[in-house]
Amino acid sequence: MKEKVGCAAAIVYLAIGFVQLLAIIKGIQIWFSVPWILAMFLSFIIAYIPIIGTIAGIRGATAAWGWSLWPTIGFFCWPYVLYAAALAVGGVAELLSWKKGEIS
């Protein structure tokens, strides 16, 4: 079951990355009035940079496709929320195991 959930999460993450790439392409076309092939090349470079790519995807989706800002932020940033939650849970578990070992 874990393998299927992990595989499904990877597929969804890849799909969101593809939508982000398309949003950046369209945003670059609108902002800089360049042909789509040049915008595609530039978007691959921009999308590879984690935070910058996410911000460019958000801006592209809102400017080019007319998406609302907050749902777009939620759509593109949910992996960061999951990462932060996983780090927090891991940190708390580490802290609790450290405290448990100290008491013994």
PDB file of N, CA and C in Angstrom:
ATOM      1  N   MET A   1       0.816  -1.202   0.000  1.00  0.00           N
ATOM      2  CA  MET A   1       0.000   0.000   0.000  1.00  0.00           C
ATOM      3  C   MET A   1       0.860   1.267   0.000  1.00  0.00           C
ATOM      4  N   LYS A   2       1.965   1.237   0.793  1.00  0.00           N
ATOM      5  CA  LYS A   2       2.842   2.404   0.857  1.00  0.00           C
ATOM      6  C   LYS A   2       3.429   2.731  -0.504  1.00  0.00           C
ATOM      7  N   GLU A   3       3.770   1.688  -1.263  1.00  0.00           N
ATOM      8  CA  GLU A   3       4.353   1.900  -2.583  1.00  0.00           C
ATOM      9  C   GLU A   3       3.374   2.595  -3.516  1.00  0.00           C
ATOM     10  N   LYS A   4       2.106   2.206  -3.431  1.00  0.00           N
ATOM     11  CA  LYS A   4       1.088   2.807  -4.299  1.00  0.00           C
ATOM     12  C   LYS A   4       0.856   4.269  -3.938  1.00  0.00           C
ATOM     13  N   VAL A   5       0.841   4.577  -2.651  1.00  0.00           N
ATOM     14  CA  VAL A   5       0.637   5.962  -2.221  1.00  0.00           C
ATOM     15  C   VAL A   5       1.827   6.818  -2.645  1.00  0.00           C
ATOM     16  N   GLY A   6       3.028   6.282  -2.456  1.00  0.00           N
ATOM     17  CA  GLY A   6       4.223   7.014  -2.872  1.00  0.00           C
ATOM     18  C   GLY A   6       4.259   7.245  -4.367  1.00  0.00           C
ATOM     19  N   CYS A   7       3.859   6.243  -5.131  1.00  0.00           N
ATOM     20  CA  CYS A   7       3.830   6.375  -6.588  1.00  0.00           C
ATOM     21  C   CYS A   7       2.774   7.401  -7.019  1.00  0.00           C
ATOM     22  N   ALA A   8       1.611   7.352  -6.391  1.00  0.00           N
ATOM     23  CA  ALA A   8       0.552   8.313  -6.712  1.00  0.00           C
ATOM     24  C   ALA A   8       0.991   9.735  -6.361  1.00  0.00           C
ATOM     25  N   ALA A   9       1.672   9.895  -5.212  1.00  0.00           N
ATOM     26  CA  ALA A   9       2.150  11.221  -4.813  1.00  0.00           C
ATOM     27  C   ALA A   9       3.183  11.740  -5.808  1.00  0.00           C
ATOM     28  N   ALA A  10       4.053  10.856  -6.290  1.00  0.00           N
ATOM     29  CA  ALA A  10       5.056  11.275  -7.270  1.00  0.00           C
ATOM     30  C   ALA A  10       4.404  11.690  -8.584  1.00  0.00           C
ATOM     31  N   ILE A  11       3.375  10.978  -8.999  1.00  0.00           N
ATOM     32  CA  ILE A  11       2.673  11.315 -10.241  1.00  0.00           C
ATOM     33  C   ILE A  11       1.970  12.667 -10.101  1.00  0.00           C
ATOM     34  N   VAL A  12       1.319  12.894  -8.972  1.00  0.00           N
ATOM     35  CA  VAL A  12       0.639  14.177  -8.743  1.00  0.00           C
ATOM     36  C   VAL A  12       1.655  15.316  -8.688  1.00  0.00           C
ATOM     37  N   TYR A  13       2.785  15.093  -8.019  1.00  0.00           N
ATOM     38  CA  TYR A  13       3.826  16.113  -7.932  1.00  0.00           C
ATOM     39  C   TYR A  13       4.386  16.433  -9.311  1.00  0.00           C
ATOM     40  N   LEU A  14       4.570  15.412 -10.122  1.00  0.00           N
ATOM     41  CA  LEU A  14       5.051  15.610 -11.496  1.00  0.00           C
ATOM     42  C   LEU A  14       4.026  16.389 -12.320  1.00  0.00           C
ATOM     43  N   ALA A  15       2.748  16.077 -12.148  1.00  0.00           N
ATOM     44  CA  ALA A  15       1.695  16.788 -12.888  1.00  0.00           C
ATOM     45  C   ALA A  15       1.643  18.256 -12.487  1.00  0.00           C
ATOM     46  N   ILE A  16       1.791  18.544 -11.202  1.00  0.00           N
ATOM     47  CA  ILE A  16       1.799  19.935 -10.757  1.00  0.00           C
ATOM     48  C   ILE A  16       3.024  20.656 -11.308  1.00  0.00           C
ATOM     49  N   GLY A  17       4.150  19.965 -11.368  1.00  0.00           N
ATOM     50  CA  GLY A  17       5.353  20.549 -11.972  1.00  0.00           C
ATOM     51  C   GLY A  17       5.151  20.870 -13.437  1.00  0.00           C
ATOM     52  N   PHE A  18       4.426  20.007 -14.148  1.00  0.00           N
ATOM     53  CA  PHE A  18       4.136  20.254 -15.560  1.00  0.00           C
ATOM     54  C   PHE A  18       3.225  21.469 -15.724  1.00  0.00           C
ATOM     55  N   VAL A  19       2.213  21.589 -14.874  1.00  0.00           N
ATOM     56  CA  VAL A  19       1.326  22.760 -14.917  1.00  0.00           C
ATOM     57  C   VAL A  19       2.121  24.022 -14.597  1.00  0.00           C
ATOM     58  N   GLN A  20       3.035  23.917 -13.623  1.00  0.00           N
ATOM     59  CA  GLN A  20       3.888  25.054 -13.292  1.00  0.00           C
ATOM     60  C   GLN A  20       4.737  25.454 -14.484  1.00  0.00           C
ATOM     61  N   LEU A  21       5.288  24.493 -15.182  1.00  0.00           N
ATOM     62  CA  LEU A  21       6.102  24.775 -16.363  1.00  0.00           C
ATOM     63  C   LEU A  21       5.277  25.478 -17.444  1.00  0.00           C
ATOM     64  N   LEU A  22       4.074  25.008 -17.678  1.00  0.00           N
ATOM     65  CA  LEU A  22       3.197  25.649 -18.666  1.00  0.00           C
ATOM     66  C   LEU A  22       2.825  27.073 -18.255  1.00  0.00           C
ATOM     67  N   ALA A  23       2.597  27.267 -16.951  1.00  0.00           N
ATOM     68  CA  ALA A  23       2.266  28.615 -16.469  1.00  0.00           C
ATOM     69  C   ALA A  23       3.443  29.561 -16.654  1.00  0.00           C
ATOM     70  N   ILE A  24       4.649  29.061 -16.408  1.00  0.00           N
ATOM     71  CA  ILE A  24       5.832  29.908 -16.597  1.00  0.00           C
ATOM     72  C   ILE A  24       6.022  30.240 -18.070  1.00  0.00           C
ATOM     73  N   ILE A  25       5.820  29.263 -18.945  1.00  0.00           N
ATOM     74  CA  ILE A  25       5.936  29.513 -20.393  1.00  0.00           C
ATOM     75  C   ILE A  25       4.979  30.622 -20.815  1.00  0.00           C
ATOM     76  N   LYS A  26       3.725  30.476 -20.427  1.00  0.00           N
ATOM     77  CA  LYS A  26       2.727  31.472 -20.833  1.00  0.00           C
ATOM     78  C   LYS A  26       3.006  32.827 -20.202  1.00  0.00           C
ATOM     79  N   GLY A  27       3.466  32.830 -18.948  1.00  0.00           N
ATOM     80  CA  GLY A  27       3.808  34.088 -18.295  1.00  0.00           C
ATOM     81  C   GLY A  27       4.953  34.798 -18.996  1.00  0.00           C
ATOM     82  N   ILE A  28       5.987  34.050 -19.364  1.00  0.00           N
ATOM     83  CA  ILE A  28       7.126  34.655 -20.071  1.00  0.00           C
ATOM     84  C   ILE A  28       6.685  35.204 -21.416  1.00  0.00           C
ATOM     85  N   GLN A  29       5.805  34.483 -22.108  1.00  0.00           N
ATOM     86  CA  GLN A  29       5.298  34.980 -23.390  1.00  0.00           C
ATOM     87  C   GLN A  29       4.581  36.316 -23.209  1.00  0.00           C
ATOM     88  N   ILE A  30       3.780  36.430 -22.168  1.00  0.00           N
ATOM     89  CA  ILE A  30       3.024  37.658 -21.942  1.00  0.00           C
ATOM     90  C   ILE A  30       3.927  38.786 -21.457  1.00  0.00           C
ATOM     91  N   TRP A  31       4.807  38.500 -20.479  1.00  0.00           N
ATOM     92  CA  TRP A  31       5.626  39.552 -19.879  1.00  0.00           C
ATOM     93  C   TRP A  31       6.659  40.117 -20.838  1.00  0.00           C
ATOM     94  N   PHE A  32       7.296  39.232 -21.611  1.00  0.00           N
ATOM     95  CA  PHE A  32       8.416  39.674 -22.435  1.00  0.00           C
ATOM     96  C   PHE A  32       8.125  39.655 -23.936  1.00  0.00           C
ATOM     97  N   SER A  33       6.940  39.232 -24.329  1.00  0.00           N
ATOM     98  CA  SER A  33       6.532  39.174 -25.741  1.00  0.00           C
ATOM     99  C   SER A  33       7.551  38.414 -26.591  1.00  0.00           C
ATOM    100  N   VAL A  34       7.889  37.223 -26.137  1.00  0.00           N
ATOM    101  CA  VAL A  34       8.836  36.378 -26.870  1.00  0.00           C
ATOM    102  C   VAL A  34       8.090  35.184 -27.464  1.00  0.00           C
ATOM    103  N   PRO A  35       8.642  34.554 -28.502  1.00  0.00           N
ATOM    104  CA  PRO A  35       8.007  33.360 -29.067  1.00  0.00           C
ATOM    105  C   PRO A  35       7.976  32.219 -28.052  1.00  0.00           C
ATOM    106  N   TRP A  36       7.074  31.298 -28.262  1.00  0.00           N
ATOM    107  CA  TRP A  36       6.875  30.225 -27.294  1.00  0.00           C
ATOM    108  C   TRP A  36       8.105  29.334 -27.153  1.00  0.00           C
ATOM    109  N   ILE A  37       8.869  29.152 -28.213  1.00  0.00           N
ATOM    110  CA  ILE A  37      10.034  28.279 -28.135  1.00  0.00           C
ATOM    111  C   ILE A  37      11.101  28.887 -27.214  1.00  0.00           C
ATOM    112  N   LEU A  38      11.298  30.192 -27.287  1.00  0.00           N
ATOM    113  CA  LEU A  38      12.239  30.866 -26.393  1.00  0.00           C
ATOM    114  C   LEU A  38      11.701  30.865 -24.962  1.00  0.00           C
ATOM    115  N   ALA A  39      10.406  31.091 -24.833  1.00  0.00           N
ATOM    116  CA  ALA A  39       9.778  31.055 -23.507  1.00  0.00           C
ATOM    117  C   ALA A  39       9.898  29.667 -22.890  1.00  0.00           C
ATOM    118  N   MET A  40       9.786  28.627 -23.709  1.00  0.00           N
ATOM    119  CA  MET A  40       9.920  27.263 -23.202  1.00  0.00           C
ATOM    120  C   MET A  40      11.337  27.020 -22.694  1.00  0.00           C
ATOM    121  N   PHE A  41      12.324  27.451 -23.455  1.00  0.00           N
ATOM    122  CA  PHE A  41      13.711  27.280 -23.045  1.00  0.00           C
ATOM    123  C   PHE A  41      13.981  28.010 -21.726  1.00  0.00           C
ATOM    124  N   LEU A  42      13.533  29.242 -21.633  1.00  0.00           N
ATOM    125  CA  LEU A  42      13.736  30.019 -20.412  1.00  0.00           C
ATOM    126  C   LEU A  42      12.971  29.430 -19.233  1.00  0.00           C
ATOM    127  N   SER A  43      11.784  28.906 -19.493  1.00  0.00           N
ATOM    128  CA  SER A  43      10.982  28.352 -18.399  1.00  0.00           C
ATOM    129  C   SER A  43      11.604  27.097 -17.812  1.00  0.00           C
ATOM    130  N   PHE A  44      12.299  26.293 -18.628  1.00  0.00           N
ATOM    131  CA  PHE A  44      12.985  25.122 -18.084  1.00  0.00           C
ATOM    132  C   PHE A  44      14.057  25.550 -17.085  1.00  0.00           C
ATOM    133  N   ILE A  45      14.746  26.622 -17.390  1.00  0.00           N
ATOM    134  CA  ILE A  45      15.784  27.117 -16.490  1.00  0.00           C
ATOM    135  C   ILE A  45      15.154  27.680 -15.216  1.00  0.00           C
ATOM    136  N   ILE A  46      14.114  28.466 -15.364  1.00  0.00           N
ATOM    137  CA  ILE A  46      13.469  29.091 -14.206  1.00  0.00           C
ATOM    138  C   ILE A  46      12.768  28.052 -13.337  1.00  0.00           C
ATOM    139  N   ALA A  47      12.081  27.110 -13.942  1.00  0.00           N
ATOM    140  CA  ALA A  47      11.335  26.110 -13.176  1.00  0.00           C
ATOM    141  C   ALA A  47      12.254  25.192 -12.384  1.00  0.00           C
ATOM    142  N   TYR A  48      13.508  25.068 -12.792  1.00  0.00           N
ATOM    143  CA  TYR A  48      14.448  24.200 -12.093  1.00  0.00           C
ATOM    144  C   TYR A  48      14.862  24.772 -10.740  1.00  0.00           C
ATOM    145  N   ILE A  49      14.758  26.078 -10.568  1.00  0.00           N
ATOM    146  CA  ILE A  49      15.115  26.736  -9.311  1.00  0.00           C
ATOM    147  C   ILE A  49      13.887  26.672  -8.398  1.00  0.00           C
ATOM    148  N   PRO A  50      13.978  25.960  -7.259  1.00  0.00           N
ATOM    149  CA  PRO A  50      12.768  25.649  -6.478  1.00  0.00           C
ATOM    150  C   PRO A  50      11.862  26.827  -6.128  1.00  0.00           C
ATOM    151  N   ILE A  51      12.288  27.777  -5.348  1.00  0.00           N
ATOM    152  CA  ILE A  51      11.388  28.852  -4.907  1.00  0.00           C
ATOM    153  C   ILE A  51      11.072  29.807  -6.059  1.00  0.00           C
ATOM    154  N   ILE A  52      12.061  30.132  -6.854  1.00  0.00           N
ATOM    155  CA  ILE A  52      11.870  31.042  -7.986  1.00  0.00           C
ATOM    156  C   ILE A  52      10.886  30.436  -8.991  1.00  0.00           C
ATOM    157  N   GLY A  53      11.015  29.146  -9.260  1.00  0.00           N
ATOM    158  CA  GLY A  53      10.106  28.474 -10.182  1.00  0.00           C
ATOM    159  C   GLY A  53       8.672  28.481  -9.685  1.00  0.00           C
ATOM    160  N   THR A  54       8.513  28.275  -8.388  1.00  0.00           N
ATOM    161  CA  THR A  54       7.163  28.300  -7.811  1.00  0.00           C
ATOM    162  C   THR A  54       6.551  29.687  -7.913  1.00  0.00           C
ATOM    163  N   ILE A  55       7.324  30.702  -7.583  1.00  0.00           N
ATOM    164  CA  ILE A  55       6.822  32.079  -7.668  1.00  0.00           C
ATOM    165  C   ILE A  55       6.488  32.440  -9.117  1.00  0.00           C
ATOM    166  N   ALA A  56       7.367  32.057 -10.048  1.00  0.00           N
ATOM    167  CA  ALA A  56       7.098  32.342 -11.461  1.00  0.00           C
ATOM    168  C   ALA A  56       5.861  31.591 -11.948  1.00  0.00           C
ATOM    169  N   GLY A  57       5.676  30.374 -11.469  1.00  0.00           N
ATOM    170  CA  GLY A  57       4.471  29.612 -11.832  1.00  0.00           C
ATOM    171  C   GLY A  57       3.206  30.269 -11.305  1.00  0.00           C
ATOM    172  N   ILE A  58       3.271  30.750 -10.077  1.00  0.00           N
ATOM    173  CA  ILE A  58       2.118  31.446  -9.492  1.00  0.00           C
ATOM    174  C   ILE A  58       1.809  32.711 -10.280  1.00  0.00           C
ATOM    175  N   ARG A  59       2.839  33.496 -10.556  1.00  0.00           N
ATOM    176  CA  ARG A  59       2.637  34.741 -11.307  1.00  0.00           C
ATOM    177  C   ARG A  59       2.134  34.456 -12.727  1.00  0.00           C
ATOM    178  N   GLY A  60       2.692  33.419 -13.356  1.00  0.00           N
ATOM    179  CA  GLY A  60       2.250  33.077 -14.704  1.00  0.00           C
ATOM    180  C   GLY A  60       0.803  32.611 -14.747  1.00  0.00           C
ATOM    181  N   ALA A  61       0.416  31.795 -13.768  1.00  0.00           N
ATOM    182  CA  ALA A  61      -0.962  31.297 -13.742  1.00  0.00           C
ATOM    183  C   ALA A  61      -1.962  32.410 -13.468  1.00  0.00           C
ATOM    184  N   THR A  62      -1.585  33.353 -12.605  1.00  0.00           N
ATOM    185  CA  THR A  62      -2.520  34.449 -12.320  1.00  0.00           C
ATOM    186  C   THR A  62      -2.582  35.454 -13.475  1.00  0.00           C
ATOM    187  N   ALA A  63      -1.426  35.738 -14.089  1.00  0.00           N
ATOM    188  CA  ALA A  63      -1.396  36.736 -15.166  1.00  0.00           C
ATOM    189  C   ALA A  63      -1.924  36.177 -16.483  1.00  0.00           C
ATOM    190  N   ALA A  64      -1.518  34.965 -16.828  1.00  0.00           N
ATOM    191  CA  ALA A  64      -1.855  34.435 -18.149  1.00  0.00           C
ATOM    192  C   ALA A  64      -3.215  33.740 -18.185  1.00  0.00           C
ATOM    193  N   TRP A  65      -3.513  32.998 -17.140  1.00  0.00           N
ATOM    194  CA  TRP A  65      -4.741  32.200 -17.159  1.00  0.00           C
ATOM    195  C   TRP A  65      -5.864  32.798 -16.329  1.00  0.00           C
ATOM    196  N   GLY A  66      -5.571  33.867 -15.569  1.00  0.00           N
ATOM    197  CA  GLY A  66      -6.600  34.527 -14.778  1.00  0.00           C
ATOM    198  C   GLY A  66      -6.989  33.778 -13.516  1.00  0.00           C
ATOM    199  N   TRP A  67      -6.105  32.924 -12.999  1.00  0.00           N
ATOM    200  CA  TRP A  67      -6.393  32.205 -11.762  1.00  0.00           C
ATOM    201  C   TRP A  67      -6.368  33.191 -10.599  1.00  0.00           C
ATOM    202  N   SER A  68      -7.158  32.910  -9.578  1.00  0.00           N
ATOM    203  CA  SER A  68      -7.130  33.716  -8.354  1.00  0.00           C
ATOM    204  C   SER A  68      -5.832  33.432  -7.594  1.00  0.00           C
ATOM    205  N   LEU A  69      -5.370  34.416  -6.846  1.00  0.00           N
ATOM    206  CA  LEU A  69      -4.060  34.324  -6.214  1.00  0.00           C
ATOM    207  C   LEU A  69      -3.982  33.225  -5.148  1.00  0.00           C
ATOM    208  N   TRP A  70      -4.891  33.230  -4.174  1.00  0.00           N
ATOM    209  CA  TRP A  70      -4.767  32.290  -3.054  1.00  0.00           C
ATOM    210  C   TRP A  70      -4.955  30.834  -3.453  1.00  0.00           C
ATOM    211  N   PRO A  71      -5.939  30.501  -4.290  1.00  0.00           N
ATOM    212  CA  PRO A  71      -5.997  29.100  -4.748  1.00  0.00           C
ATOM    213  C   PRO A  71      -4.755  28.685  -5.543  1.00  0.00           C
ATOM    214  N   THR A  72      -4.187  29.618  -6.286  1.00  0.00           N
ATOM    215  CA  THR A  72      -2.975  29.314  -7.042  1.00  0.00           C
ATOM    216  C   THR A  72      -1.801  29.064  -6.110  1.00  0.00           C
ATOM    217  N   ILE A  73      -1.676  29.870  -5.076  1.00  0.00           N
ATOM    218  CA  ILE A  73      -0.625  29.642  -4.083  1.00  0.00           C
ATOM    219  C   ILE A  73      -0.816  28.284  -3.424  1.00  0.00           C
ATOM    220  N   GLY A  74      -2.043  27.958  -3.072  1.00  0.00           N
ATOM    221  CA  GLY A  74      -2.321  26.642  -2.483  1.00  0.00           C
ATOM    222  C   GLY A  74      -1.983  25.502  -3.418  1.00  0.00           C
ATOM    223  N   PHE A  75      -2.281  25.678  -4.681  1.00  0.00           N
ATOM    224  CA  PHE A  75      -2.019  24.630  -5.672  1.00  0.00           C
ATOM    225  C   PHE A  75      -0.530  24.390  -5.859  1.00  0.00           C
ATOM    226  N   PHE A  76       0.247  25.453  -5.954  1.00  0.00           N
ATOM    227  CA  PHE A  76       1.675  25.315  -6.223  1.00  0.00           C
ATOM    228  C   PHE A  76       2.518  25.104  -4.966  1.00  0.00           C
ATOM    229  N   CYS A  77       2.012  25.464  -3.791  1.00  0.00           N
ATOM    230  CA  CYS A  77       2.834  25.409  -2.573  1.00  0.00           C
ATOM    231  C   CYS A  77       2.505  24.266  -1.628  1.00  0.00           C
ATOM    232  N   TRP A  78       1.543  23.420  -1.936  1.00  0.00           N
ATOM    233  CA  TRP A  78       1.215  22.362  -0.993  1.00  0.00           C
ATOM    234  C   TRP A  78       2.381  21.410  -0.733  1.00  0.00           C
ATOM    235  N   PRO A  79       3.296  21.144  -1.679  1.00  0.00           N
ATOM    236  CA  PRO A  79       4.427  20.280  -1.311  1.00  0.00           C
ATOM    237  C   PRO A  79       5.300  20.889  -0.210  1.00  0.00           C
ATOM    238  N   TYR A  80       5.467  22.211  -0.225  1.00  0.00           N
ATOM    239  CA  TYR A  80       6.265  22.859   0.810  1.00  0.00           C
ATOM    240  C   TYR A  80       5.599  22.727   2.175  1.00  0.00           C
ATOM    241  N   VAL A  81       4.279  22.771   2.218  1.00  0.00           N
ATOM    242  CA  VAL A  81       3.552  22.587   3.476  1.00  0.00           C
ATOM    243  C   VAL A  81       3.769  21.162   3.988  1.00  0.00           C
ATOM    244  N   LEU A  82       3.715  20.187   3.086  1.00  0.00           N
ATOM    245  CA  LEU A  82       3.954  18.800   3.498  1.00  0.00           C
ATOM    246  C   LEU A  82       5.384  18.607   3.988  1.00  0.00           C
ATOM    247  N   TYR A  83       6.353  19.215   3.310  1.00  0.00           N
ATOM    248  CA  TYR A  83       7.747  19.114   3.746  1.00  0.00           C
ATOM    249  C   TYR A  83       7.913  19.718   5.141  1.00  0.00           C
ATOM    250  N   ALA A  84       7.320  20.864   5.371  1.00  0.00           N
ATOM    251  CA  ALA A  84       7.427  21.519   6.675  1.00  0.00           C
ATOM    252  C   ALA A  84       6.779  20.659   7.760  1.00  0.00           C
ATOM    253  N   ALA A  85       5.632  20.063   7.460  1.00  0.00           N
ATOM    254  CA  ALA A  85       4.965  19.196   8.428  1.00  0.00           C
ATOM    255  C   ALA A  85       5.817  17.954   8.730  1.00  0.00           C
ATOM    256  N   ALA A  86       6.406  17.373   7.699  1.00  0.00           N
ATOM    257  CA  ALA A  86       7.252  16.199   7.910  1.00  0.00           C
ATOM    258  C   ALA A  86       8.480  16.549   8.745  1.00  0.00           C
ATOM    259  N   LEU A  87       9.081  17.706   8.475  1.00  0.00           N
ATOM    260  CA  LEU A  87      10.224  18.141   9.280  1.00  0.00           C
ATOM    261  C   LEU A  87       9.827  18.393  10.732  1.00  0.00           C
ATOM    262  N   ALA A  88       8.657  18.989  10.922  1.00  0.00           N
ATOM    263  CA  ALA A  88       8.193  19.260  12.279  1.00  0.00           C
ATOM    264  C   ALA A  88       7.929  17.960  13.038  1.00  0.00           C
ATOM    265  N   VAL A  89       7.275  17.011  12.398  1.00  0.00           N
ATOM    266  CA  VAL A  89       6.996  15.725  13.045  1.00  0.00           C
ATOM    267  C   VAL A  89       8.303  14.998  13.354  1.00  0.00           C
ATOM    268  N   GLY A  90       9.231  15.006  12.413  1.00  0.00           N
ATOM    269  CA  GLY A  90      10.523  14.367  12.644  1.00  0.00           C
ATOM    270  C   GLY A  90      11.299  15.040  13.761  1.00  0.00           C
ATOM    271  N   GLY A  91      11.239  16.363  13.803  1.00  0.00           N
ATOM    272  CA  GLY A  91      11.922  17.093  14.861  1.00  0.00           C
ATOM    273  C   GLY A  91      11.344  16.817  16.231  1.00  0.00           C
ATOM    274  N   VAL A  92      10.025  16.770  16.312  1.00  0.00           N
ATOM    275  CA  VAL A  92       9.368  16.465  17.585  1.00  0.00           C
ATOM    276  C   VAL A  92       9.694  15.035  18.009  1.00  0.00           C
ATOM    277  N   ALA A  93       9.669  14.104  17.073  1.00  0.00           N
ATOM    278  CA  ALA A  93      10.008  12.720  17.403  1.00  0.00           C
ATOM    279  C   ALA A  93      11.445  12.603  17.889  1.00  0.00           C
ATOM    280  N   GLU A  94      12.351  13.325  17.257  1.00  0.00           N
ATOM    281  CA  GLU A  94      13.757  13.323  17.687  1.00  0.00           C
ATOM    282  C   GLU A  94      13.896  13.930  19.078  1.00  0.00           C
ATOM    283  N   LEU A  95      13.194  15.012  19.323  1.00  0.00           N
ATOM    284  CA  LEU A  95      13.235  15.658  20.628  1.00  0.00           C
ATOM    285  C   LEU A  95      12.694  14.735  21.705  1.00  0.00           C
ATOM    286  N   LEU A  96      11.576  14.079  21.421  1.00  0.00           N
ATOM    287  CA  LEU A  96      10.993  13.165  22.399  1.00  0.00           C
ATOM    288  C   LEU A  96      11.901  11.966  22.661  1.00  0.00           C
ATOM    289  N   SER A  97      12.534  11.442  21.633  1.00  0.00           N
ATOM    290  CA  SER A  97      13.435  10.304  21.843  1.00  0.00           C
ATOM    291  C   SER A  97      14.683  10.746  22.611  1.00  0.00           C
ATOM    292  N   TRP A  98      15.135  11.972  22.398  1.00  0.00           N
ATOM    293  CA  TRP A  98      16.285  12.495  23.135  1.00  0.00           C
ATOM    294  C   TRP A  98      15.943  12.666  24.602  1.00  0.00           C
ATOM    295  N   LYS A  99      14.756  13.218  24.882  1.00  0.00           N
ATOM    296  CA  LYS A  99      14.299  13.400  26.258  1.00  0.00           C
ATOM    297  C   LYS A  99      14.106  12.059  26.937  1.00  0.00           C
ATOM    298  N   LYS A 100      13.615  11.102  26.224  1.00  0.00           N
ATOM    299  CA  LYS A 100      13.366   9.762  26.779  1.00  0.00           C
ATOM    300  C   LYS A 100      14.683   9.105  27.165  1.00  0.00           C
ATOM    301  N   GLY A 101      15.694   9.252  26.328  1.00  0.00           N
ATOM    302  CA  GLY A 101      17.004   8.686  26.619  1.00  0.00           C
ATOM    303  C   GLY A 101      17.681   9.404  27.774  1.00  0.00           C
ATOM    304  N   GLU A 102      17.408  10.681  27.952  1.00  0.00           N
ATOM    305  CA  GLU A 102      18.008  11.451  29.033  1.00  0.00           C
ATOM    306  C   GLU A 102      17.443  11.054  30.386  1.00  0.00           C
ATOM    307  N   ILE A 103      16.171  10.728  30.424  1.00  0.00           N
ATOM    308  CA  ILE A 103      15.487  10.362  31.667  1.00  0.00           C
ATOM    309  C   ILE A 103      15.964   8.994  32.167  1.00  0.00           C
ATOM    310  N   SER A 104      16.200   8.068  31.274  1.00  0.00           N
ATOM    311  CA  SER A 104      16.574   6.696  31.661  1.00  0.00           C
ATOM    312  C   SER A 104      17.871   6.655  32.397  1.00  0.00           C
TER     313      SER A 104
END
